[in-house]
Every structure is written in structure tokens, then in C-alpha cells.
C-alpha atoms as a PDB file:
ATOM      1  CA  MET A   1     -10.204   3.575 -27.862  1.00  0.00           C
ATOM      2  CA  ASN A   2      -7.183   1.305 -27.596  1.00  0.00           C
ATOM      3  CA  GLY A   3      -7.599  -1.575 -30.013  1.00  0.00           C
ATOM      4  CA  ARG A   4      -8.436  -4.095 -27.267  1.00  0.00           C
ATOM      5  CA  GLY A   5     -12.080  -3.349 -26.645  1.00  0.00           C
ATOM      6  CA  SER A   6     -12.685  -2.263 -23.079  1.00  0.00           C
ATOM      7  CA  VAL A   7      -9.274  -3.217 -21.657  1.00  0.00           C
ATOM      8  CA  VAL A   8      -7.027  -0.353 -20.545  1.00  0.00           C
ATOM      9  CA  ARG A   9      -3.506  -0.881 -19.215  1.00  0.00           C
ATOM     10  CA  ILE A  10      -2.651   1.377 -16.286  1.00  0.00           C
ATOM     11  CA  GLY A  11       0.949   2.002 -15.244  1.00  0.00           C
ATOM     12  CA  LEU A  12       2.069   2.893 -11.703  1.00  0.00           C
ATOM     13  CA  VAL A  13       5.454   4.419 -10.863  1.00  0.00           C
ATOM     14  CA  GLN A  14       6.382   3.951  -7.179  1.00  0.00           C
ATOM     15  CA  SER A  15       9.595   5.806  -6.311  1.00  0.00           C
ATOM     16  CA  ALA A  16      11.718   7.113  -3.450  1.00  0.00           C
ATOM     17  CA  CYS A  17      12.703  10.772  -3.598  1.00  0.00           C
ATOM     18  CA  SER A  18      16.038  12.361  -2.760  1.00  0.00           C
ATOM     19  CA  ALA A  19      17.229  15.927  -2.217  1.00  0.00           C
ATOM     20  CA  SER A  20      18.106  16.136  -5.926  1.00  0.00           C
ATOM     21  CA  ARG A  21      15.150  17.535  -7.826  1.00  0.00           C
ATOM     22  CA  GLU A  22      16.677  16.633 -11.166  1.00  0.00           C
ATOM     23  CA  ASP A  23      17.267  13.042 -10.074  1.00  0.00           C
ATOM     24  CA  ASN A  24      13.659  12.755  -8.918  1.00  0.00           C
ATOM     25  CA  ILE A  25      12.323  14.068 -12.206  1.00  0.00           C
ATOM     26  CA  ALA A  26      14.656  11.799 -14.183  1.00  0.00           C
ATOM     27  CA  GLN A  27      13.484   8.849 -12.093  1.00  0.00           C
ATOM     28  CA  ALA A  28       9.846   9.666 -12.864  1.00  0.00           C
ATOM     29  CA  LEU A  29      10.521  10.076 -16.584  1.00  0.00           C
ATOM     30  CA  ALA A  30      12.365   6.755 -16.639  1.00  0.00           C
ATOM     31  CA  GLY A  31       9.418   5.125 -14.873  1.00  0.00           C
ATOM     32  CA  ILE A  32       6.998   6.519 -17.449  1.00  0.00           C
ATOM     33  CA  ALA A  33       9.173   5.123 -20.239  1.00  0.00           C
ATOM     34  CA  GLU A  34       9.389   1.740 -18.528  1.00  0.00           C
ATOM     35  CA  VAL A  35       5.656   1.240 -18.030  1.00  0.00           C
ATOM     36  CA  ALA A  36       4.925   2.573 -21.516  1.00  0.00           C
ATOM     37  CA  ALA A  37       7.340   0.026 -22.973  1.00  0.00           C
ATOM     38  CA  ALA A  38       5.424  -2.636 -21.041  1.00  0.00           C
ATOM     39  CA  GLY A  39       2.167  -1.548 -22.660  1.00  0.00           C
ATOM     40  CA  ALA A  40       0.751   1.048 -20.277  1.00  0.00           C
ATOM     41  CA  GLU A  41      -1.720   3.493 -21.826  1.00  0.00           C
ATOM     42  CA  VAL A  42      -2.458   5.517 -18.684  1.00  0.00           C
ATOM     43  CA  VAL A  43       0.310   6.337 -16.185  1.00  0.00           C
ATOM     44  CA  CYS A  44       0.125   7.759 -12.669  1.00  0.00           C
ATOM     45  CA  LEU A  45       3.025   9.175 -10.651  1.00  0.00           C
ATOM     46  CA  GLN A  46       3.153   9.587  -6.865  1.00  0.00           C
ATOM     47  CA  GLU A  47       2.227  12.771  -5.035  1.00  0.00           C
ATOM     48  CA  LEU A  48       4.675  15.683  -5.481  1.00  0.00           C
ATOM     49  CA  PHE A  49       7.091  13.381  -7.301  1.00  0.00           C
ATOM     50  CA  ALA A  50       9.664  16.083  -8.137  1.00  0.00           C
ATOM     51  CA  GLY A  51      10.988  16.529  -4.620  1.00  0.00           C
ATOM     52  CA  GLU A  52      11.153  15.279  -1.094  1.00  0.00           C
ATOM     53  CA  TYR A  53       7.830  15.706   0.676  1.00  0.00           C
ATOM     54  CA  PRO A  54       7.933  19.409   1.615  1.00  0.00           C
ATOM     55  CA  CYS A  55       5.412  19.496   4.444  1.00  0.00           C
ATOM     56  CA  GLN A  56       7.267  17.850   7.341  1.00  0.00           C
ATOM     57  CA  SER A  57       7.925  21.305   8.771  1.00  0.00           C
ATOM     58  CA  GLU A  58       6.590  24.819   8.292  1.00  0.00           C
ATOM     59  CA  ASP A  59       9.411  26.374   6.318  1.00  0.00           C
ATOM     60  CA  HIS A  60       8.910  29.402   4.085  1.00  0.00           C
ATOM     61  CA  VAL A  61      11.976  28.416   2.066  1.00  0.00           C
ATOM     62  CA  ARG A  62      10.052  25.450   0.626  1.00  0.00           C
ATOM     63  CA  PHE A  63       7.717  27.762  -1.314  1.00  0.00           C
ATOM     64  CA  ALA A  64      10.590  28.256  -3.755  1.00  0.00           C
ATOM     65  CA  GLU A  65       9.993  24.674  -4.914  1.00  0.00           C
ATOM     66  CA  ALA A  66       6.574  25.546  -6.330  1.00  0.00           C
ATOM     67  CA  GLU A  67       5.973  25.719 -10.090  1.00  0.00           C
ATOM     68  CA  VAL A  68       3.537  27.661 -12.192  1.00  0.00           C
ATOM     69  CA  VAL A  69       1.112  25.537 -14.214  1.00  0.00           C
ATOM     70  CA  PRO A  70       1.709  25.371 -17.098  1.00  0.00           C
ATOM     71  CA  GLY A  71       5.429  25.715 -16.568  1.00  0.00           C
ATOM     72  CA  ALA A  72       8.791  24.008 -16.909  1.00  0.00           C
ATOM     73  CA  LEU A  73       7.860  20.876 -14.959  1.00  0.00           C
ATOM     74  CA  THR A  74       4.498  20.312 -16.616  1.00  0.00           C
ATOM     75  CA  GLU A  75       6.141  20.851 -20.014  1.00  0.00           C
ATOM     76  CA  ARG A  76       8.464  17.942 -19.267  1.00  0.00           C
ATOM     77  CA  LEU A  77       5.498  15.797 -18.308  1.00  0.00           C
ATOM     78  CA  ALA A  78       3.616  16.822 -21.439  1.00  0.00           C
ATOM     79  CA  ALA A  79       6.651  15.882 -23.535  1.00  0.00           C
ATOM     80  CA  ALA A  80       6.806  12.465 -21.853  1.00  0.00           C
ATOM     81  CA  ALA A  81       3.107  11.854 -22.478  1.00  0.00           C
ATOM     82  CA  ARG A  82       3.551  12.819 -26.123  1.00  0.00           C
ATOM     83  CA  LYS A  83       6.722  10.782 -26.601  1.00  0.00           C
ATOM     84  CA  HIS A  84       5.284   7.597 -25.130  1.00  0.00           C
ATOM     85  CA  ARG A  85       1.685   8.139 -26.276  1.00  0.00           C
ATOM     86  CA  VAL A  86       0.253   7.740 -22.796  1.00  0.00           C
ATOM     87  CA  VAL A  87      -2.329   9.571 -20.751  1.00  0.00           C
ATOM     88  CA  LEU A  88      -0.362  10.849 -17.763  1.00  0.00           C
ATOM     89  CA  LEU A  89      -1.293  12.090 -14.298  1.00  0.00           C
ATOM     90  CA  GLY A  90       1.409  14.107 -12.533  1.00  0.00           C
ATOM     91  CA  SER A  91       1.203  15.752  -9.106  1.00  0.00           C
ATOM     92  CA  VAL A  92       2.859  19.148  -8.648  1.00  0.00           C
ATOM     93  CA  PHE A  93       3.374  21.868  -6.025  1.00  0.00           C
ATOM     94  CA  GLU A  94       1.552  24.644  -7.888  1.00  0.00           C
ATOM     95  CA  ARG A  95       2.301  28.351  -7.532  1.00  0.00           C
ATOM     96  CA  ARG A  96      -0.991  29.845  -8.637  1.00  0.00           C
ATOM     97  CA  SER A  97      -0.200  33.429  -7.688  1.00  0.00           C
ATOM     98  CA  ALA A  98       1.917  35.362  -5.204  1.00  0.00           C
ATOM     99  CA  GLY A  99       1.200  33.731  -1.851  1.00  0.00           C
ATOM    100  CA  LEU A 100      -1.309  31.221  -3.267  1.00  0.00           C
ATOM    101  CA  PHE A 101      -0.258  27.590  -3.660  1.00  0.00           C
ATOM    102  CA  HIS A 102      -2.019  24.297  -4.342  1.00  0.00           C
ATOM    103  CA  ASN A 103      -1.299  20.589  -4.348  1.00  0.00           C
ATOM    104  CA  THR A 104      -2.340  19.918  -7.925  1.00  0.00           C
ATOM    105  CA  ALA A 105      -2.820  16.928 -10.208  1.00  0.00           C
ATOM    106  CA  VAL A 106      -2.434  17.653 -13.922  1.00  0.00           C
ATOM    107  CA  ILE A 107      -3.766  15.193 -16.499  1.00  0.00           C
ATOM    108  CA  PHE A 108      -2.138  15.078 -19.945  1.00  0.00           C
ATOM    109  CA  GLU A 109      -3.532  13.508 -23.088  1.00  0.00           C
ATOM    110  CA  ALA A 110      -1.449  11.088 -25.120  1.00  0.00           C
ATOM    111  CA  ASP A 111      -0.596  13.908 -27.521  1.00  0.00           C
ATOM    112  CA  GLY A 112       0.843  16.005 -24.673  1.00  0.00           C
ATOM    113  CA  SER A 113      -2.056  18.421 -24.430  1.00  0.00           C
ATOM    114  CA  THR A 114      -3.526  19.214 -21.018  1.00  0.00           C
ATOM    115  CA  ALA A 115      -6.757  17.284 -20.516  1.00  0.00           C
ATOM    116  CA  GLY A 116      -7.590  18.607 -17.054  1.00  0.00           C
ATOM    117  CA  LEU A 117      -6.420  19.868 -13.686  1.00  0.00           C
ATOM    118  CA  TYR A 118      -7.521  18.998 -10.156  1.00  0.00           C
ATOM    119  CA  ARG A 119      -6.507  20.882  -7.016  1.00  0.00           C
ATOM    120  CA  LYS A 120      -6.467  18.789  -3.841  1.00  0.00           C
ATOM    121  CA  MET A 121      -9.663  19.500  -1.924  1.00  0.00           C
ATOM    122  CA  HIS A 122      -8.916  18.037   1.521  1.00  0.00           C
ATOM    123  CA  ILE A 123      -5.794  19.501   3.117  1.00  0.00           C
ATOM    124  CA  PRO A 124      -4.369  17.742   6.223  1.00  0.00           C
ATOM    125  CA  ASP A 125      -2.565  19.179   9.198  1.00  0.00           C
ATOM    126  CA  ASP A 126      -0.848  16.518  11.282  1.00  0.00           C
ATOM    127  CA  PRO A 127       2.650  16.035  12.686  1.00  0.00           C
ATOM    128  CA  HIS A 128       4.995  16.013   9.662  1.00  0.00           C
ATOM    129  CA  TYR A 129       2.049  16.586   7.310  1.00  0.00           C
ATOM    130  CA  TYR A 130       1.708  20.355   7.715  1.00  0.00           C
ATOM    131  CA  GLU A 131      -0.021  20.881   4.404  1.00  0.00           C
ATOM    132  CA  LYS A 132      -2.313  23.682   5.556  1.00  0.00           C
ATOM    133  CA  PHE A 133       0.789  25.862   5.900  1.00  0.00           C
ATOM    134  CA  TYR A 134       1.560  25.363   2.213  1.00  0.00           C
ATOM    135  CA  PHE A 135      -1.631  24.655   0.280  1.00  0.00           C
ATOM    136  CA  ALA A 136      -4.954  26.409  -0.141  1.00  0.00           C
ATOM    137  CA  PRO A 137      -7.913  24.029  -0.505  1.00  0.00           C
ATOM    138  CA  GLY A 138      -8.756  23.237  -4.096  1.00  0.00           C
ATOM    139  CA  ASP A 139     -11.559  24.982  -5.937  1.00  0.00           C
ATOM    140  CA  THR A 140     -11.999  22.608  -8.870  1.00  0.00           C
ATOM    141  CA  GLY A 141     -14.615  20.459  -7.187  1.00  0.00           C
ATOM    142  CA  PHE A 142     -14.658  16.721  -7.744  1.00  0.00           C
ATOM    143  CA  ILE A 143     -14.309  16.039 -11.440  1.00  0.00           C
ATOM    144  CA  SER A 144     -13.981  13.425 -14.137  1.00  0.00           C
ATOM    145  CA  VAL A 145     -11.514  14.144 -16.922  1.00  0.00           C
ATOM    146  CA  PRO A 146     -12.380  12.501 -20.256  1.00  0.00           C
ATOM    147  CA  THR A 147      -9.350  11.181 -22.138  1.00  0.00           C
ATOM    148  CA  SER A 148      -8.750   8.970 -25.155  1.00  0.00           C
ATOM    149  CA  ARG A 149      -8.172   5.968 -22.857  1.00  0.00           C
ATOM    150  CA  LEU A 150     -10.700   6.295 -20.037  1.00  0.00           C
ATOM    151  CA  ALA A 151     -12.461   8.828 -17.823  1.00  0.00           C
ATOM    152  CA  VAL A 152      -9.897   9.801 -15.173  1.00  0.00           C
ATOM    153  CA  GLY A 153     -11.075  10.673 -11.669  1.00  0.00           C
ATOM    154  CA  PRO A 154      -8.194  12.663 -10.124  1.00  0.00           C
ATOM    155  CA  LEU A 155      -7.942  12.854  -6.340  1.00  0.00           C
ATOM    156  CA  VAL A 156      -4.875  13.315  -4.111  1.00  0.00           C
ATOM    157  CA  CYS A 157      -3.700  11.529  -0.942  1.00  0.00           C
ATOM    158  CA  TRP A 158      -5.749  12.909   2.003  1.00  0.00           C
ATOM    159  CA  ASP A 159      -8.799  12.807  -0.284  1.00  0.00           C
ATOM    160  CA  GLN A 160      -8.497   9.007   0.119  1.00  0.00           C
ATOM    161  CA  TRP A 161     -10.211   9.103   3.482  1.00  0.00           C
ATOM    162  CA  TYR A 162     -13.421  10.764   2.304  1.00  0.00           C
ATOM    163  CA  PRO A 163     -16.236   8.648   0.856  1.00  0.00           C
ATOM    164  CA  GLU A 164     -17.936  11.841  -0.322  1.00  0.00           C
ATOM    165  CA  ALA A 165     -14.973  12.662  -2.575  1.00  0.00           C
ATOM    166  CA  ALA A 166     -14.918   9.196  -4.138  1.00  0.00           C
ATOM    167  CA  ARG A 167     -18.697   9.198  -4.598  1.00  0.00           C
ATOM    168  CA  LEU A 168     -18.871  12.610  -6.262  1.00  0.00           C
ATOM    169  CA  THR A 169     -15.929  11.812  -8.538  1.00  0.00           C
ATOM    170  CA  ALA A 170     -17.575   8.556  -9.610  1.00  0.00           C
ATOM    171  CA  MET A 171     -20.874  10.370 -10.129  1.00  0.00           C
ATOM    172  CA  ALA A 172     -19.068  12.857 -12.385  1.00  0.00           C
ATOM    173  CA  GLY A 173     -18.371   9.892 -14.684  1.00  0.00           C
ATOM    174  CA  ALA A 174     -14.927   8.663 -13.661  1.00  0.00           C
ATOM    175  CA  GLN A 175     -14.146   5.058 -14.553  1.00  0.00           C
ATOM    176  CA  ALA A 176     -11.059   4.966 -12.337  1.00  0.00           C
ATOM    177  CA  LEU A 177     -10.170   6.998  -9.260  1.00  0.00           C
ATOM    178  CA  PHE A 178      -6.484   7.936  -9.190  1.00  0.00           C
ATOM    179  CA  TYR A 179      -4.800   8.855  -5.901  1.00  0.00           C
ATOM    180  CA  PRO A 180      -1.196  10.081  -6.156  1.00  0.00           C
ATOM    181  CA  THR A 181      -0.069   9.696  -2.558  1.00  0.00           C
ATOM    182  CA  ALA A 182       2.592  10.435   0.049  1.00  0.00           C
ATOM    183  CA  ILE A 183       1.708   8.535   3.214  1.00  0.00           C
ATOM    184  CA  GLY A 184       3.875   6.648   5.636  1.00  0.00           C
ATOM    185  CA  TRP A 185       4.774   5.637   9.143  1.00  0.00           C
ATOM    186  CA  LEU A 186       6.194   8.052  11.685  1.00  0.00           C
ATOM    187  CA  ASP A 187       9.054   7.016  13.966  1.00  0.00           C
ATOM    188  CA  GLY A 188       7.800   6.275  17.463  1.00  0.00           C
ATOM    189  CA  GLU A 189       4.460   4.882  16.297  1.00  0.00           C
ATOM    190  CA  GLU A 190       5.641   1.366  15.492  1.00  0.00           C
ATOM    191  CA  ALA A 191       2.794  -0.248  17.442  1.00  0.00           C
ATOM    192  CA  LEU A 192       0.336   1.416  15.078  1.00  0.00           C
ATOM    193  CA  HIS A 193       2.054   0.603  11.794  1.00  0.00           C
ATOM    194  CA  ARG A 194      -0.065  -2.380  10.793  1.00  0.00           C
ATOM    195  CA  GLU A 195      -3.404  -0.821  11.655  1.00  0.00           C
ATOM    196  CA  GLN A 196      -2.515   2.483   9.950  1.00  0.00           C
ATOM    197  CA  TYR A 197      -1.609   0.755   6.707  1.00  0.00           C
ATOM    198  CA  GLU A 198      -4.591  -1.603   6.830  1.00  0.00           C
ATOM    199  CA  ALA A 199      -6.990   1.284   7.452  1.00  0.00           C
ATOM    200  CA  TRP A 200      -5.613   3.104   4.397  1.00  0.00           C
ATOM    201  CA  ASP A 201      -5.791   0.016   2.214  1.00  0.00           C
ATOM    202  CA  THR A 202      -9.327  -0.769   3.396  1.00  0.00           C
ATOM    203  CA  MET A 203     -10.524   2.719   2.493  1.00  0.00           C
ATOM    204  CA  LEU A 204      -9.186   2.380  -1.036  1.00  0.00           C
ATOM    205  CA  ARG A 205     -10.840  -0.983  -1.507  1.00  0.00           C
ATOM    206  CA  SER A 206     -14.110   0.307  -0.100  1.00  0.00           C
ATOM    207  CA  HIS A 207     -14.179   3.187  -2.607  1.00  0.00           C
ATOM    208  CA  ALA A 208     -13.895   0.680  -5.451  1.00  0.00           C
ATOM    209  CA  ILE A 209     -16.730  -1.471  -4.111  1.00  0.00           C
ATOM    210  CA  ALA A 210     -19.088   1.331  -3.076  1.00  0.00           C
ATOM    211  CA  ASN A 211     -18.755   3.123  -6.411  1.00  0.00           C
ATOM    212  CA  GLY A 212     -18.171   0.281  -8.859  1.00  0.00           C
ATOM    213  CA  VAL A 213     -14.983   1.837 -10.226  1.00  0.00           C
ATOM    214  CA  PHE A 214     -11.311   1.003 -10.491  1.00  0.00           C
ATOM    215  CA  VAL A 215      -9.141   2.579  -7.796  1.00  0.00           C
ATOM    216  CA  VAL A 216      -5.458   3.321  -8.396  1.00  0.00           C
ATOM    217  CA  ALA A 217      -3.218   4.607  -5.583  1.00  0.00           C
ATOM    218  CA  VAL A 218       0.445   5.395  -6.251  1.00  0.00           C
ATOM    219  CA  ASN A 219       2.365   6.005  -3.042  1.00  0.00           C
ATOM    220  CA  ARG A 220       5.979   6.971  -2.575  1.00  0.00           C
ATOM    221  CA  THR A 221       8.386   4.713  -0.703  1.00  0.00           C
ATOM    222  CA  GLY A 222      11.656   5.244   1.156  1.00  0.00           C
ATOM    223  CA  ARG A 223      12.627   7.248   4.224  1.00  0.00           C
ATOM    224  CA  GLU A 224      12.579  11.045   4.496  1.00  0.00           C
ATOM    225  CA  GLY A 225      13.527  12.197   7.973  1.00  0.00           C
ATOM    226  CA  PRO A 226      11.272  10.539  10.573  1.00  0.00           C
ATOM    227  CA  LEU A 227       8.768   9.462   7.900  1.00  0.00           C
ATOM    228  CA  ARG A 228       9.041   6.082   6.228  1.00  0.00           C
ATOM    229  CA  PHE A 229       6.665   6.056   3.295  1.00  0.00           C
ATOM    230  CA  TRP A 230       4.955   2.696   3.084  1.00  0.00           C
ATOM    231  CA  GLY A 231       4.679   2.249  -0.684  1.00  0.00           C
ATOM    232  CA  ALA A 232       2.149  -0.543  -1.351  1.00  0.00           C
ATOM    233  CA  SER A 233       0.786   1.167  -4.464  1.00  0.00           C
ATOM    234  CA  VAL A 234      -2.308  -0.731  -5.524  1.00  0.00           C
ATOM    235  CA  VAL A 235      -5.039  -1.222  -8.119  1.00  0.00           C
ATOM    236  CA  TYR A 236      -8.496  -2.386  -7.062  1.00  0.00           C
ATOM    237  CA  ALA A 237     -11.220  -3.619  -9.408  1.00  0.00           C
ATOM    238  CA  PRO A 238     -14.837  -2.443  -9.058  1.00  0.00           C
ATOM    239  CA  ASN A 239     -15.703  -5.531  -7.013  1.00  0.00           C
ATOM    240  CA  GLY A 240     -12.830  -4.924  -4.579  1.00  0.00           C
ATOM    241  CA  GLU A 241     -10.417  -7.460  -6.065  1.00  0.00           C
ATOM    242  CA  ALA A 242      -6.777  -6.470  -5.643  1.00  0.00           C
ATOM    243  CA  LEU A 243      -5.417  -6.642  -9.189  1.00  0.00           C
ATOM    244  CA  MET A 244      -1.860  -5.574  -8.411  1.00  0.00           C
ATOM    245  CA  LYS A 245       0.068  -4.363  -5.375  1.00  0.00           C
ATOM    246  CA  ALA A 246       3.619  -3.112  -4.899  1.00  0.00           C
ATOM    247  CA  GLY A 247       5.877  -3.837  -1.944  1.00  0.00           C
ATOM    248  CA  HIS A 248       6.333  -1.499   1.000  1.00  0.00           C
ATOM    249  CA  ASP A 249      10.016  -0.708   0.506  1.00  0.00           C
ATOM    250  CA  SER A 250      10.769  -1.290  -3.169  1.00  0.00           C
ATOM    251  CA  LEU A 251      11.040   1.025  -6.134  1.00  0.00           C
ATOM    252  CA  GLU A 252       8.595  -0.516  -8.587  1.00  0.00           C
ATOM    253  CA  THR A 253       6.830   0.042 -11.868  1.00  0.00           C
ATOM    254  CA  LEU A 254       3.628  -1.912 -12.399  1.00  0.00           C
ATOM    255  CA  VAL A 255       1.299  -2.325 -15.374  1.00  0.00           C
ATOM    256  CA  CYS A 256      -2.212  -3.560 -14.695  1.00  0.00           C
ATOM    257  CA  GLU A 257      -4.871  -4.590 -17.211  1.00  0.00           C
ATOM    258  CA  CYS A 258      -8.257  -3.110 -16.325  1.00  0.00           C
ATOM    259  CA  ASP A 259     -11.359  -4.320 -18.168  1.00  0.00           C
ATOM    260  CA  LEU A 260     -13.790  -1.406 -18.076  1.00  0.00           C
ATOM    261  CA  ASP A 261     -16.705  -3.799 -18.651  1.00  0.00           C
ATOM    262  CA  ARG A 262     -16.261  -4.794 -15.020  1.00  0.00           C
ATOM    263  CA  ILE A 263     -17.787  -1.452 -14.001  1.00  0.00           C
ATOM    264  CA  GLU A 264     -21.160  -2.328 -15.530  1.00  0.00           C
ATOM    265  CA  TRP A 265     -20.924  -5.879 -14.195  1.00  0.00           C
ATOM    266  CA  SER A 266     -20.340  -4.702 -10.638  1.00  0.00           C
ATOM    267  CA  ARG A 267     -22.951  -1.963 -10.691  1.00  0.00           C
ATOM    268  CA  THR A 268     -25.672  -4.324 -11.919  1.00  0.00           C
ATOM    269  CA  ARG A 269     -24.814  -6.930  -9.258  1.00  0.00           C
ATOM    270  CA  TRP A 270     -24.444  -4.370  -6.472  1.00  0.00           C
ATOM    271  CA  PRO A 271     -26.809  -1.560  -7.554  1.00  0.00           C
ATOM    272  CA  PHE A 272     -25.758   0.997  -4.960  1.00  0.00           C
ATOM    273  CA  PHE A 273     -26.405   3.935  -7.271  1.00  0.00           C
ATOM    274  CA  ARG A 274     -29.939   2.693  -7.961  1.00  0.00           C
ATOM    275  CA  ASP A 275     -30.765   2.493  -4.274  1.00  0.00           C
ATOM    276  CA  ARG A 276     -29.260   5.750  -3.068  1.00  0.00           C
ATOM    277  CA  ARG A 277     -31.752   7.828  -1.049  1.00  0.00           C
ATOM    278  CA  ILE A 278     -30.879  11.196  -2.499  1.00  0.00           C
ATOM    279  CA  ASP A 279     -33.966  12.671  -0.824  1.00  0.00           C
ATOM    280  CA  ALA A 280     -32.477  11.932   2.603  1.00  0.00           C
ATOM    281  CA  TYR A 281     -28.867  13.091   2.355  1.00  0.00           C
ATOM    282  CA  GLY A 282     -29.280  16.827   2.808  1.00  0.00           C
ATOM    283  CA  HIS A 283     -27.645  16.846   6.232  1.00  0.00           C
ATOM    284  CA  LEU A 284     -24.328  15.845   4.649  1.00  0.00           C
ATOM    285  CA  LEU A 285     -23.909  19.563   4.019  1.00  0.00           C
ATOM    286  CA  ASN A 286     -23.845  20.206   7.780  1.00  0.00           C
ATOM    287  CA  ARG A 287     -20.583  20.113   9.708  1.00  0.00           C
ATOM    288  CA  TRP A 288     -22.236  17.856  12.275  1.00  0.00           C
ATOM    289  CA  GLY A 289     -25.680  16.617  13.273  1.00  0.00           C
ATOM    290  CA  SER A 290     -28.962  17.772  11.800  1.00  0.00           C
END
């Protein structure tokens, strides 16, 4: 796999975006190069890394930012994966057809080929997160993408809040759940800042523990209008140990060693999959109640 047994080095690129698309892309490519030089074999970028977060308002002009997949942007990502010999997860604003758009994670093999594609399943609609205006819900289901380094479980941002998404992705065979993310604090809600961040961080840690997998979240940082993205990109081990965490306000690249043997260790100590009552979960398919 990688010459070091079960150890895989995962690189995170936490950035702040500006109005310059080319600068944002250059920043991401530089981050990929930096973590690869530090030994990363799998690299994850933040959600919609090529531009400022487009969903703070409902603006038809923003649809012009969307890209076909495969297309010019994914070709640049594929070239970076091939150049640096890394598995790469990049998040793009996908133009699937006229009037049909998705928030999409594309996974590239270390040779630059496309290993898989995941379209964000849970689409939020909150103040300054008006994603339902832009994105159709994904139709890929919850998947695991086999690569030469590890089985990648792609999920995106709002998916972070759903234990069902993490569970089904782990059950598909993922060894690590990857969440490219754009989440932050809204001006005027300062009293809630700590609890909002801690709730988010707790959910990520809980997914690692409940599923016995690594969890990798790469969030953007910096201010865009009334949103201050809180960074804090993080890697959790299958037992919930925080292996690495970025600051709230800093542009950072991180490389984290993940020993995949820890998955088996955790699942045999906490055998949650063994004890699942699959005969009793049918009502999960209801919107509410039984």
C-alpha cells in the first residue's frame, strides 16, 4: 500500500478564500504541494475551495461559478494528484446540466485518474447558508471509494450532523470519513459561538467513536461578509482521540499519521457493529414516529 504497513499520512489544507478565483486555486495547489512534501499520501481540501462561499444570498449570478465534472477545475486537481502522487479529495460547485447543480466531492487517485464522486446528500437552508437555492440533493448514496492508500468515505459539511450518513458510509467500507467543510459563526450570535463550535466538534468525534473509523474535517477559515469561518480542521482516531487540530483563524497545512490497525482495535473493544439491532431499525425510514 504505502511501504509503512498500515500507516497512512493524511494532509489537510485549511485556507481562507478571496474574491480571486485564481488566487484561491493557486492557494489550494500550493497547499497540496506543501503537505505532499511533508509526506502526505491522501489530501483533503475544504468545501468549495475555488471561491468565496457562494450561498450567503440567493443570487442567480453565482451559478456562473459552477463547473462541469470533469472539466477545467477537476483537470487541475487531477494534475496535482498525479504530480505529487497523492490521493486527493476536492470539493466543487458542479454544473451537471442546464439548471441542475450539485455540491460535489471528487476523489482522484495518485495517478490523476478519477476514483469516485460523491454529491452532497444533505442540503441546508439557514441564514447565509442558502444551499437549497443552489444545489439539488445528491443521488450517489453514501459510498466508500477504494484507493491505493485507503478506503475514502466522502461526505460534505452539513452531512456532518447526521449519524445515519456516517454509519452508512462506514458500513460501505470506508476507513476514514472525510468532511470538506464551510462552517462558521454569524455576526450577532457571539453568545452562541462556543456552543456552536463545540457541538460541531462533538459530532465529528462521536462519528469516529460510534463507527470505529478515522474522521477528517477540513474547514475554511477567515471572514466572508457576516460569516467568520471557524477553521479548527481536525483528525479523530477511531477511539475518539484528537490526533491533530488546526487553529480557528490561521491558514494551516497539517499532516497526520493514521494507523489503520486502530480500526480493528477499536471495533473489537467497542463492538458496536456486532450489537446493532438491525431487526429493530425499520422506523428510521419514517420522517417521524412509528
